C-alpha atoms as a PDB file:
ATOM      1  CA  MET A   1      -3.433 -25.474   8.988  1.00  0.00           C
ATOM      2  CA  ASN A   2      -0.751 -22.937   9.850  1.00  0.00           C
ATOM      3  CA  ILE A   3      -0.044 -19.247   9.343  1.00  0.00           C
ATOM      4  CA  LYS A   4       2.435 -19.874   6.531  1.00  0.00           C
ATOM      5  CA  GLN A   5      -0.155 -21.856   4.557  1.00  0.00           C
ATOM      6  CA  LEU A   6      -2.708 -19.088   5.072  1.00  0.00           C
ATOM      7  CA  HIS A   7      -0.178 -16.511   3.929  1.00  0.00           C
ATOM      8  CA  TYR A   8       0.544 -18.468   0.747  1.00  0.00           C
ATOM      9  CA  PHE A   9      -3.164 -18.971   0.103  1.00  0.00           C
ATOM     10  CA  HIS A  10      -3.883 -15.273   0.680  1.00  0.00           C
ATOM     11  CA  GLU A  11      -1.245 -14.291  -1.882  1.00  0.00           C
ATOM     12  CA  LEU A  12      -2.676 -16.790  -4.371  1.00  0.00           C
ATOM     13  CA  ALA A  13      -6.177 -15.405  -3.798  1.00  0.00           C
ATOM     14  CA  ARG A  14      -4.827 -11.873  -4.322  1.00  0.00           C
ATOM     15  CA  HIS A  15      -2.846 -12.565  -7.506  1.00  0.00           C
ATOM     16  CA  ARG A  16      -5.093 -15.325  -8.911  1.00  0.00           C
ATOM     17  CA  HIS A  17      -1.965 -16.751 -10.542  1.00  0.00           C
ATOM     18  CA  PHE A  18       0.393 -19.422  -9.172  1.00  0.00           C
ATOM     19  CA  ALA A  19       3.611 -18.014 -10.656  1.00  0.00           C
ATOM     20  CA  LYS A  20       2.895 -14.440  -9.504  1.00  0.00           C
ATOM     21  CA  ALA A  21       1.855 -15.603  -6.033  1.00  0.00           C
ATOM     22  CA  ALA A  22       4.978 -17.759  -5.690  1.00  0.00           C
ATOM     23  CA  LYS A  23       7.144 -14.792  -6.652  1.00  0.00           C
ATOM     24  CA  ALA A  24       5.378 -12.588  -4.074  1.00  0.00           C
ATOM     25  CA  CYS A  25       5.999 -15.265  -1.415  1.00  0.00           C
ATOM     26  CA  HIS A  26       9.660 -15.712  -2.480  1.00  0.00           C
ATOM     27  CA  ILE A  27       9.185 -19.454  -2.994  1.00  0.00           C
ATOM     28  CA  THR A  28       9.042 -21.800  -5.983  1.00  0.00           C
ATOM     29  CA  GLN A  29       5.773 -22.529  -7.738  1.00  0.00           C
ATOM     30  CA  PRO A  30       5.844 -26.263  -6.795  1.00  0.00           C
ATOM     31  CA  THR A  31       6.315 -25.289  -3.126  1.00  0.00           C
ATOM     32  CA  LEU A  32       3.310 -22.970  -3.321  1.00  0.00           C
ATOM     33  CA  SER A  33       1.183 -25.599  -5.060  1.00  0.00           C
ATOM     34  CA  ALA A  34       2.111 -28.239  -2.461  1.00  0.00           C
ATOM     35  CA  SER A  35       1.225 -25.842   0.377  1.00  0.00           C
ATOM     36  CA  ILE A  36      -2.203 -25.066  -1.132  1.00  0.00           C
ATOM     37  CA  THR A  37      -2.877 -28.781  -1.645  1.00  0.00           C
ATOM     38  CA  ALA A  38      -1.924 -29.469   1.979  1.00  0.00           C
ATOM     39  CA  LEU A  39      -4.264 -26.711   3.138  1.00  0.00           C
ATOM     40  CA  GLU A  40      -7.118 -28.163   1.075  1.00  0.00           C
ATOM     41  CA  LYS A  41      -6.546 -31.609   2.592  1.00  0.00           C
ATOM     42  CA  ASN A  42      -6.506 -30.039   6.041  1.00  0.00           C
ATOM     43  CA  VAL A  43      -9.865 -28.280   5.585  1.00  0.00           C
ATOM     44  CA  GLY A  44     -11.345 -31.193   3.635  1.00  0.00           C
ATOM     45  CA  THR A  45     -12.482 -29.342   0.512  1.00  0.00           C
ATOM     46  CA  ASP A  46     -11.196 -27.680  -2.667  1.00  0.00           C
ATOM     47  CA  LEU A  47     -10.336 -24.005  -2.261  1.00  0.00           C
ATOM     48  CA  VAL A  48      -9.226 -23.129  -5.790  1.00  0.00           C
ATOM     49  CA  VAL A  49     -10.280 -23.995  -9.333  1.00  0.00           C
ATOM     50  CA  ARG A  50      -7.010 -24.556 -11.161  1.00  0.00           C
ATOM     51  CA  THR A  51      -6.306 -23.791 -14.813  1.00  0.00           C
ATOM     52  CA  SER A  52      -2.993 -23.318 -16.626  1.00  0.00           C
ATOM     53  CA  GLN A  53      -2.795 -19.609 -15.788  1.00  0.00           C
ATOM     54  CA  PHE A  54      -5.836 -18.264 -13.935  1.00  0.00           C
ATOM     55  CA  VAL A  55      -6.964 -19.315 -10.471  1.00  0.00           C
ATOM     56  CA  ALA A  56     -10.557 -18.909  -9.325  1.00  0.00           C
ATOM     57  CA  LEU A  57     -11.637 -19.459  -5.755  1.00  0.00           C
ATOM     58  CA  THR A  58     -14.395 -21.865  -4.825  1.00  0.00           C
ATOM     59  CA  GLU A  59     -17.126 -20.759  -2.421  1.00  0.00           C
ATOM     60  CA  ALA A  60     -15.146 -22.365   0.399  1.00  0.00           C
ATOM     61  CA  GLY A  61     -12.005 -20.636  -0.899  1.00  0.00           C
ATOM     62  CA  GLU A  62     -13.657 -17.224  -0.615  1.00  0.00           C
ATOM     63  CA  LEU A  63     -14.611 -18.023   2.976  1.00  0.00           C
ATOM     64  CA  VAL A  64     -11.062 -19.109   3.829  1.00  0.00           C
ATOM     65  CA  ARG A  65      -9.668 -15.998   2.108  1.00  0.00           C
ATOM     66  CA  ARG A  66     -11.735 -13.699   4.338  1.00  0.00           C
ATOM     67  CA  TYR A  67     -10.682 -15.481   7.516  1.00  0.00           C
ATOM     68  CA  ALA A  68      -7.057 -15.714   6.381  1.00  0.00           C
ATOM     69  CA  GLU A  69      -7.029 -11.977   5.762  1.00  0.00           C
ATOM     70  CA  ARG A  70      -8.234 -11.228   9.280  1.00  0.00           C
ATOM     71  CA  MET A  71      -5.814 -13.683  10.869  1.00  0.00           C
ATOM     72  CA  LEU A  72      -2.823 -12.295   8.967  1.00  0.00           C
ATOM     73  CA  LEU A  73      -3.780  -8.741   9.932  1.00  0.00           C
ATOM     74  CA  GLU A  74      -4.080  -9.757  13.570  1.00  0.00           C
ATOM     75  CA  GLN A  75      -0.706 -11.505  13.341  1.00  0.00           C
ATOM     76  CA  GLU A  76       0.903  -8.286  12.053  1.00  0.00           C
ATOM     77  CA  ALA A  77      -0.801  -6.288  14.821  1.00  0.00           C
ATOM     78  CA  LEU A  78       0.431  -8.782  17.420  1.00  0.00           C
ATOM     79  CA  LYS A  79       4.010  -8.545  16.136  1.00  0.00           C
ATOM     80  CA  GLN A  80       3.875  -4.767  16.394  1.00  0.00           C
ATOM     81  CA  GLU A  81       2.348  -4.870  19.886  1.00  0.00           C
ATOM     82  CA  LEU A  82       5.070  -7.277  21.072  1.00  0.00           C
ATOM     83  CA  ALA A  83       7.770  -5.071  19.542  1.00  0.00           C
ATOM     84  CA  LEU A  84       6.622  -2.297  21.871  1.00  0.00           C
ATOM     85  CA  PHE A  85       7.823  -4.379  24.838  1.00  0.00           C
ATOM     86  CA  HIS A  86      11.341  -3.844  23.513  1.00  0.00           C
ATOM     87  CA  GLY A  87      10.752  -0.127  23.173  1.00  0.00           C
ATOM     88  CA  GLU A  88      10.815  -0.130  19.366  1.00  0.00           C
ATOM     89  CA  LEU A  89       7.816  -0.106  17.062  1.00  0.00           C
ATOM     90  CA  SER A  90       8.548  -2.218  13.979  1.00  0.00           C
ATOM     91  CA  GLY A  91       6.644  -3.739  11.087  1.00  0.00           C
ATOM     92  CA  THR A  92       5.052  -2.455   7.878  1.00  0.00           C
ATOM     93  CA  LEU A  93       2.635   0.382   7.166  1.00  0.00           C
ATOM     94  CA  ARG A  94       0.863   0.392   3.781  1.00  0.00           C
ATOM     95  CA  ILE A  95      -0.312   3.821   2.637  1.00  0.00           C
ATOM     96  CA  GLY A  96      -2.292   4.530  -0.512  1.00  0.00           C
ATOM     97  CA  ILE A  97      -2.750   8.034  -1.914  1.00  0.00           C
ATOM     98  CA  VAL A  98      -4.530   9.671  -4.825  1.00  0.00           C
ATOM     99  CA  PRO A  99      -2.187  11.711  -7.033  1.00  0.00           C
ATOM    100  CA  GLN A 100      -4.171  14.972  -6.790  1.00  0.00           C
ATOM    101  CA  SER A 101      -4.489  16.034  -3.165  1.00  0.00           C
ATOM    102  CA  ASN A 102      -4.105  19.207  -1.125  1.00  0.00           C
ATOM    103  CA  VAL A 103      -1.907  17.279   1.331  1.00  0.00           C
ATOM    104  CA  ASP A 104       1.831  16.864   0.785  1.00  0.00           C
ATOM    105  CA  ILE A 105       2.305  13.537   2.536  1.00  0.00           C
ATOM    106  CA  MET A 106       6.115  13.492   2.458  1.00  0.00           C
ATOM    107  CA  PRO A 107       6.700  15.850   5.423  1.00  0.00           C
ATOM    108  CA  LEU A 108       4.294  13.669   7.414  1.00  0.00           C
ATOM    109  CA  ILE A 109       6.137  10.492   6.407  1.00  0.00           C
ATOM    110  CA  ALA A 110       9.475  12.141   7.233  1.00  0.00           C
ATOM    111  CA  ARG A 111       8.251  12.982  10.758  1.00  0.00           C
ATOM    112  CA  TYR A 112       6.912   9.456  11.154  1.00  0.00           C
ATOM    113  CA  ARG A 113      10.239   7.941  10.104  1.00  0.00           C
ATOM    114  CA  GLN A 114      12.080  10.124  12.618  1.00  0.00           C
ATOM    115  CA  CYS A 115       9.860   8.800  15.402  1.00  0.00           C
ATOM    116  CA  TYR A 116       9.664   5.179  14.200  1.00  0.00           C
ATOM    117  CA  PRO A 117      12.746   4.305  12.092  1.00  0.00           C
ATOM    118  CA  ASP A 118      12.040   0.550  12.202  1.00  0.00           C
ATOM    119  CA  ILE A 119       8.714   0.829  10.376  1.00  0.00           C
ATOM    120  CA  VAL A 120       8.860   0.068   6.643  1.00  0.00           C
ATOM    121  CA  ILE A 121       6.434   2.256   4.673  1.00  0.00           C
ATOM    122  CA  ARG A 122       4.923   1.044   1.415  1.00  0.00           C
ATOM    123  CA  LEU A 123       3.467   3.979  -0.500  1.00  0.00           C
ATOM    124  CA  SER A 124       1.191   3.373  -3.511  1.00  0.00           C
ATOM    125  CA  VAL A 125      -0.319   5.966  -5.849  1.00  0.00           C
ATOM    126  CA  LEU A 126      -3.837   4.856  -6.787  1.00  0.00           C
ATOM    127  CA  SER A 127      -7.035   6.119  -8.313  1.00  0.00           C
ATOM    128  CA  ASN A 128      -9.687   6.923  -5.711  1.00  0.00           C
ATOM    129  CA  GLU A 129     -11.699   3.876  -6.784  1.00  0.00           C
ATOM    130  CA  ALA A 130      -8.676   1.567  -6.432  1.00  0.00           C
ATOM    131  CA  LEU A 131      -7.829   3.142  -3.073  1.00  0.00           C
ATOM    132  CA  ILE A 132     -11.310   2.449  -1.698  1.00  0.00           C
ATOM    133  CA  SER A 133     -11.130  -1.108  -3.029  1.00  0.00           C
ATOM    134  CA  GLN A 134      -7.746  -1.806  -1.423  1.00  0.00           C
ATOM    135  CA  LEU A 135      -8.928  -0.401   1.913  1.00  0.00           C
ATOM    136  CA  GLU A 136     -12.021  -2.607   1.773  1.00  0.00           C
ATOM    137  CA  LEU A 137      -9.908  -5.660   0.905  1.00  0.00           C
ATOM    138  CA  HIS A 138      -7.418  -4.847   3.700  1.00  0.00           C
ATOM    139  CA  GLN A 139      -4.625  -4.525   1.129  1.00  0.00           C
ATOM    140  CA  CYS A 140      -3.974  -0.986   2.343  1.00  0.00           C
ATOM    141  CA  ASP A 141      -3.827   0.313   5.945  1.00  0.00           C
ATOM    142  CA  ILE A 142      -4.268   4.069   5.492  1.00  0.00           C
ATOM    143  CA  GLY A 143      -5.604   5.959   2.484  1.00  0.00           C
ATOM    144  CA  LEU A 144      -5.422   9.603   1.479  1.00  0.00           C
ATOM    145  CA  GLY A 145      -8.237  10.212  -0.977  1.00  0.00           C
ATOM    146  CA  PHE A 146     -11.598  11.850  -1.582  1.00  0.00           C
ATOM    147  CA  ASP A 147     -14.569  11.480   0.741  1.00  0.00           C
ATOM    148  CA  HIS A 148     -17.362   9.672  -1.095  1.00  0.00           C
ATOM    149  CA  SER A 149     -18.989   8.264   2.016  1.00  0.00           C
ATOM    150  CA  GLY A 150     -22.359   9.899   1.353  1.00  0.00           C
ATOM    151  CA  GLY A 151     -23.305   9.242   4.965  1.00  0.00           C
ATOM    152  CA  LYS A 152     -22.395   5.550   4.729  1.00  0.00           C
ATOM    153  CA  ARG A 153     -19.199   5.502   6.708  1.00  0.00           C
ATOM    154  CA  ALA A 154     -17.309   2.325   5.893  1.00  0.00           C
ATOM    155  CA  PHE A 155     -14.109   3.861   7.285  1.00  0.00           C
ATOM    156  CA  HIS A 156     -12.851   6.180   9.966  1.00  0.00           C
ATOM    157  CA  LEU A 157     -12.361   9.560   8.302  1.00  0.00           C
ATOM    158  CA  TYR A 158      -9.832  12.278   9.103  1.00  0.00           C
ATOM    159  CA  PRO A 159     -10.825  15.380   7.071  1.00  0.00           C
ATOM    160  CA  GLN A 160      -7.983  17.413   5.573  1.00  0.00           C
ATOM    161  CA  GLY A 161     -10.034  20.249   4.118  1.00  0.00           C
ATOM    162  CA  ASP A 162     -11.343  21.087   0.657  1.00  0.00           C
ATOM    163  CA  ASN A 163      -9.175  20.350  -2.345  1.00  0.00           C
ATOM    164  CA  ARG A 164      -8.672  23.406  -4.551  1.00  0.00           C
ATOM    165  CA  MET A 165      -7.757  23.599  -8.234  1.00  0.00           C
ATOM    166  CA  ALA A 166      -4.924  25.600  -9.774  1.00  0.00           C
ATOM    167  CA  VAL A 167      -3.361  26.220 -13.178  1.00  0.00           C
ATOM    168  CA  LEU A 168       0.267  25.342 -13.848  1.00  0.00           C
ATOM    169  CA  ILE A 169       1.966  27.344 -16.615  1.00  0.00           C
ATOM    170  CA  SER A 170       5.505  27.507 -17.987  1.00  0.00           C
ATOM    171  CA  ARG A 171       7.258  30.827 -17.418  1.00  0.00           C
ATOM    172  CA  ALA A 172       7.720  31.254 -21.169  1.00  0.00           C
ATOM    173  CA  SER A 173       3.958  31.239 -21.803  1.00  0.00           C
ATOM    174  CA  ALA A 174       2.799  32.819 -18.539  1.00  0.00           C
ATOM    175  CA  LEU A 175       0.535  35.857 -18.760  1.00  0.00           C
ATOM    176  CA  PRO A 176       0.414  38.765 -16.296  1.00  0.00           C
ATOM    177  CA  GLN A 177      -2.095  37.707 -13.678  1.00  0.00           C
ATOM    178  CA  THR A 178      -3.294  39.874 -10.836  1.00  0.00           C
ATOM    179  CA  ALA A 179      -6.404  37.891  -9.875  1.00  0.00           C
ATOM    180  CA  PRO A 180      -7.261  34.169  -9.647  1.00  0.00           C
ATOM    181  CA  MET A 181      -8.107  32.559 -12.983  1.00  0.00           C
ATOM    182  CA  THR A 182     -11.585  31.301 -13.765  1.00  0.00           C
ATOM    183  CA  LEU A 183     -12.630  28.251 -15.741  1.00  0.00           C
ATOM    184  CA  ALA A 184     -13.797  30.505 -18.591  1.00  0.00           C
ATOM    185  CA  SER A 185     -10.262  31.850 -19.038  1.00  0.00           C
ATOM    186  CA  LEU A 186      -9.055  28.335 -19.957  1.00  0.00           C
ATOM    187  CA  GLN A 187     -11.373  27.523 -22.842  1.00  0.00           C
ATOM    188  CA  HIS A 188      -9.083  28.909 -25.585  1.00  0.00           C
ATOM    189  CA  GLN A 189      -5.871  27.536 -24.097  1.00  0.00           C
ATOM    190  CA  PRO A 190      -4.281  24.150 -24.936  1.00  0.00           C
ATOM    191  CA  LEU A 191      -4.539  22.006 -21.810  1.00  0.00           C
ATOM    192  CA  VAL A 192      -2.705  18.973 -20.434  1.00  0.00           C
ATOM    193  CA  LEU A 193      -4.945  17.222 -17.945  1.00  0.00           C
ATOM    194  CA  PRO A 194      -5.027  14.236 -15.587  1.00  0.00           C
ATOM    195  CA  SER A 195      -6.554  11.097 -17.082  1.00  0.00           C
ATOM    196  CA  ARG A 196     -10.312  10.584 -17.029  1.00  0.00           C
ATOM    197  CA  THR A 197      -9.794   7.641 -14.672  1.00  0.00           C
ATOM    198  CA  MET A 198      -8.787  10.095 -11.918  1.00  0.00           C
ATOM    199  CA  GLN A 199     -11.395  11.513  -9.566  1.00  0.00           C
ATOM    200  CA  PHE A 200      -9.824  14.976  -9.823  1.00  0.00           C
ATOM    201  CA  ARG A 201     -10.519  14.994 -13.583  1.00  0.00           C
ATOM    202  CA  THR A 202     -14.143  14.053 -12.916  1.00  0.00           C
ATOM    203  CA  TYR A 203     -14.558  17.192 -10.773  1.00  0.00           C
ATOM    204  CA  LEU A 204     -13.042  19.345 -13.529  1.00  0.00           C
ATOM    205  CA  ASP A 205     -15.166  17.846 -16.318  1.00  0.00           C
ATOM    206  CA  LEU A 206     -18.355  18.269 -14.289  1.00  0.00           C
ATOM    207  CA  ALA A 207     -17.513  21.922 -13.600  1.00  0.00           C
ATOM    208  CA  ALA A 208     -16.829  22.575 -17.301  1.00  0.00           C
ATOM    209  CA  GLU A 209     -20.077  20.845 -18.283  1.00  0.00           C
ATOM    210  CA  ARG A 210     -22.118  22.909 -15.813  1.00  0.00           C
ATOM    211  CA  ALA A 211     -20.506  26.115 -17.105  1.00  0.00           C
ATOM    212  CA  GLY A 212     -21.066  25.120 -20.752  1.00  0.00           C
ATOM    213  CA  ILE A 213     -17.343  25.372 -21.444  1.00  0.00           C
ATOM    214  CA  THR A 214     -15.380  23.191 -23.864  1.00  0.00           C
ATOM    215  CA  LEU A 215     -11.784  22.532 -22.852  1.00  0.00           C
ATOM    216  CA  ASP A 216      -9.068  22.275 -25.522  1.00  0.00           C
ATOM    217  CA  LEU A 217      -7.370  19.014 -24.538  1.00  0.00           C
ATOM    218  CA  VAL A 218      -3.984  18.256 -26.110  1.00  0.00           C
ATOM    219  CA  LEU A 219      -2.685  15.619 -23.690  1.00  0.00           C
ATOM    220  CA  GLU A 220      -4.016  13.548 -20.816  1.00  0.00           C
ATOM    221  CA  THR A 221      -1.980  11.253 -18.584  1.00  0.00           C
ATOM    222  CA  ASP A 222      -2.142   9.459 -15.248  1.00  0.00           C
ATOM    223  CA  SER A 223       1.523  10.306 -14.621  1.00  0.00           C
ATOM    224  CA  LEU A 224       2.100  13.510 -12.643  1.00  0.00           C
ATOM    225  CA  PHE A 225       5.734  13.522 -13.739  1.00  0.00           C
ATOM    226  CA  HIS A 226       4.742  13.628 -17.404  1.00  0.00           C
ATOM    227  CA  LEU A 227       1.981  16.150 -16.691  1.00  0.00           C
ATOM    228  CA  VAL A 228       4.496  18.582 -15.198  1.00  0.00           C
ATOM    229  CA  SER A 229       7.040  17.779 -17.912  1.00  0.00           C
ATOM    230  CA  ALA A 230       4.452  18.570 -20.607  1.00  0.00           C
ATOM    231  CA  VAL A 231       3.947  22.034 -19.096  1.00  0.00           C
ATOM    232  CA  ARG A 232       7.706  22.612 -18.938  1.00  0.00           C
ATOM    233  CA  HIS A 233       7.993  21.735 -22.639  1.00  0.00           C
ATOM    234  CA  GLY A 234       5.231  24.147 -23.607  1.00  0.00           C
ATOM    235  CA  LEU A 235       2.547  21.649 -24.630  1.00  0.00           C
ATOM    236  CA  GLY A 236      -0.059  23.571 -22.687  1.00  0.00           C
ATOM    237  CA  TRP A 237      -1.363  24.618 -19.300  1.00  0.00           C
ATOM    238  CA  ALA A 238      -2.197  22.003 -16.672  1.00  0.00           C
ATOM    239  CA  VAL A 239      -5.141  22.021 -14.288  1.00  0.00           C
ATOM    240  CA  VAL A 240      -4.043  20.271 -11.107  1.00  0.00           C
ATOM    241  CA  SER A 241      -4.646  20.419  -7.365  1.00  0.00           C
ATOM    242  CA  ALA A 242      -3.417  23.594  -5.673  1.00  0.00           C
ATOM    243  CA  GLY A 243      -1.059  21.552  -3.489  1.00  0.00           C
ATOM    244  CA  LEU A 244       0.572  19.892  -6.493  1.00  0.00           C
ATOM    245  CA  ALA A 245       0.766  23.211  -8.334  1.00  0.00           C
ATOM    246  CA  ARG A 246       2.607  24.861  -5.446  1.00  0.00           C
ATOM    247  CA  SER A 247       5.118  21.994  -5.197  1.00  0.00           C
ATOM    248  CA  ALA A 248       5.661  21.817  -8.970  1.00  0.00           C
ATOM    249  CA  SER A 249       6.133  25.577  -9.258  1.00  0.00           C
ATOM    250  CA  GLN A 250       8.985  25.357  -6.752  1.00  0.00           C
ATOM    251  CA  LEU A 251      10.616  22.181  -8.067  1.00  0.00           C
ATOM    252  CA  ALA A 252      10.212  22.763 -11.799  1.00  0.00           C
ATOM    253  CA  ASP A 253      10.295  26.590 -11.944  1.00  0.00           C
ATOM    254  CA  LEU A 254       6.739  26.915 -13.225  1.00  0.00           C
ATOM    255  CA  VAL A 255       4.072  29.527 -12.585  1.00  0.00           C
ATOM    256  CA  CYS A 256       1.079  28.600 -10.434  1.00  0.00           C
ATOM    257  CA  HIS A 257      -2.269  30.468 -10.450  1.00  0.00           C
ATOM    258  CA  PRO A 258      -5.286  29.595  -8.265  1.00  0.00           C
ATOM    259  CA  LEU A 259      -8.391  28.603 -10.218  1.00  0.00           C
ATOM    260  CA  GLU A 260     -11.542  30.079  -8.741  1.00  0.00           C
ATOM    261  CA  PRO A 261     -14.151  29.290  -7.613  1.00  0.00           C
ATOM    262  CA  LEU A 262     -13.551  25.608  -8.254  1.00  0.00           C
ATOM    263  CA  GLU A 263     -13.091  22.937  -5.635  1.00  0.00           C
ATOM    264  CA  ALA A 264     -12.022  19.345  -6.244  1.00  0.00           C
ATOM    265  CA  GLY A 265     -13.733  17.464  -3.456  1.00  0.00           C
ATOM    266  CA  ARG A 266     -12.825  17.011   0.190  1.00  0.00           C
ATOM    267  CA  THR A 267      -9.564  15.255   0.995  1.00  0.00           C
ATOM    268  CA  VAL A 268      -9.560  12.775   3.876  1.00  0.00           C
ATOM    269  CA  PHE A 269      -7.309  10.214   5.462  1.00  0.00           C
ATOM    270  CA  MET A 270      -9.207   6.932   5.742  1.00  0.00           C
ATOM    271  CA  THR A 271      -8.663   3.745   7.725  1.00  0.00           C
ATOM    272  CA  ARG A 272     -10.636   0.570   8.275  1.00  0.00           C
ATOM    273  CA  GLN A 273     -12.799   0.472  11.391  1.00  0.00           C
ATOM    274  CA  HIS A 274     -11.208  -2.599  12.957  1.00  0.00           C
ATOM    275  CA  SER A 275      -7.778  -4.218  13.413  1.00  0.00           C
ATOM    276  CA  ILE A 276      -5.953  -0.933  13.874  1.00  0.00           C
ATOM    277  CA  THR A 277      -2.263  -1.812  14.273  1.00  0.00           C
ATOM    278  CA  PRO A 278       0.180   0.151  16.480  1.00  0.00           C
ATOM    279  CA  ALA A 279       1.907   1.420  13.306  1.00  0.00           C
ATOM    280  CA  MET A 280      -1.421   2.775  12.072  1.00  0.00           C
ATOM    281  CA  ARG A 281      -2.231   4.374  15.435  1.00  0.00           C
ATOM    282  CA  ALA A 282       1.157   6.090  15.505  1.00  0.00           C
ATOM    283  CA  PHE A 283       0.686   7.540  12.017  1.00  0.00           C
ATOM    284  CA  LEU A 284      -2.863   8.650  12.779  1.00  0.00           C
ATOM    285  CA  GLY A 285      -1.534  10.399  15.883  1.00  0.00           C
ATOM    286  CA  LEU A 286       0.574  12.618  13.618  1.00  0.00           C
ATOM    287  CA  VAL A 287      -2.365  13.130  11.245  1.00  0.00           C
ATOM    288  CA  THR A 288      -4.653  14.377  14.020  1.00  0.00           C
ATOM    289  CA  GLN A 289      -1.984  16.810  15.229  1.00  0.00           C
ATOM    290  CA  GLU A 290      -2.024  18.516  11.819  1.00  0.00           C
ATOM    291  CA  ALA A 291      -5.649  17.996  10.780  1.00  0.00           C
ATOM    292  CA  PRO A 292      -7.776  21.152  10.348  1.00  0.00           C
ATOM    293  CA  SER A 293     -10.627  19.436  12.203  1.00  0.00           C
ATOM    294  CA  SER A 294     -11.202  16.441  14.421  1.00  0.00           C
ATOM    295  CA  PRO A 295     -11.491  12.953  12.929  1.00  0.00           C
ATOM    296  CA  GLU A 296     -14.980  11.722  12.178  1.00  0.00           C
ATOM    297  CA  TYR A 297     -16.034   8.358  13.551  1.00  0.00           C
ATOM    298  CA  PRO A 298     -19.155   6.313  12.856  1.00  0.00           C
ATOM    299  CA  GLY A 299     -21.452   6.508  15.820  1.00  0.00           C
ATOM    300  CA  GLY A 300     -18.984   8.685  17.709  1.00  0.00           C
ATOM    301  CA  GLU A 301     -16.568   5.755  18.186  1.00  0.00           C
ATOM    302  CA  ARG A 302     -12.806   6.115  18.136  1.00  0.00           C
ATOM    303  CA  PRO A 303     -10.598   3.572  16.377  1.00  0.00           C
ATOM    304  CA  SER A 304     -10.179   0.359  18.294  1.00  0.00           C
ATOM    305  CA  ARG A 305      -7.355  -2.098  18.415  1.00  0.00           C
END
């Protein structure tokens, strides 16, 4: 058994497909298959149930997957720790974010890149549910999403304040507005909204239901680009996070109005509790410099290596 075999097996377990896993590993499918077979002979049991397209893991395969995941994470952490001996932090940092947040992550990433130019950042836009899942499966290192811990802290949390809602309107259809809009002022307006799969939309729908208000939906999408484009082309008003509204109003020449008194959850940076790599620690150092409050740790503990 070696690290390369575990890496190949981990990719196969993640993709559940030989061709996709081989592509992710930058090897041929026969090479991948031979490596998995060699690993199975080494451990003395079958790890996968093979079919023509789909791969299921055996009970032993699930066990090996969990250990392989930890070992590969520790290998990445070790590489980053050793790189520090040469004065340069290098490696990969995987960040997942929800599309509707009060935090503009790009200035933070820009500062991070200035300090650590040898770190490759992989940024993924995910639903809050997918973000939590990827953090739990160690497929993501740091997440920027909504706090749904409910007292059961599976992660270290770094609160970034309450997420506010705002209305994004094209200048051609903008109305004189001297005070923040309310939800009631939207019920006769055509609206373009984030998809129902997004946590932000859940907050909005719950608020409308509590207020007994029916929203006139003309378009919903999980693409922020198309959401903003729809407003620019006059399809309707968009209800988005205040942070996104401010950015879009500057970049796309749209009008942004706060929506009161609605909040869209609490935004937090999240990390796993163990196997914190140097790249993660460095990023979290920048997060805590800008955070409105101190990070929250289960049992008062700080992140460990």
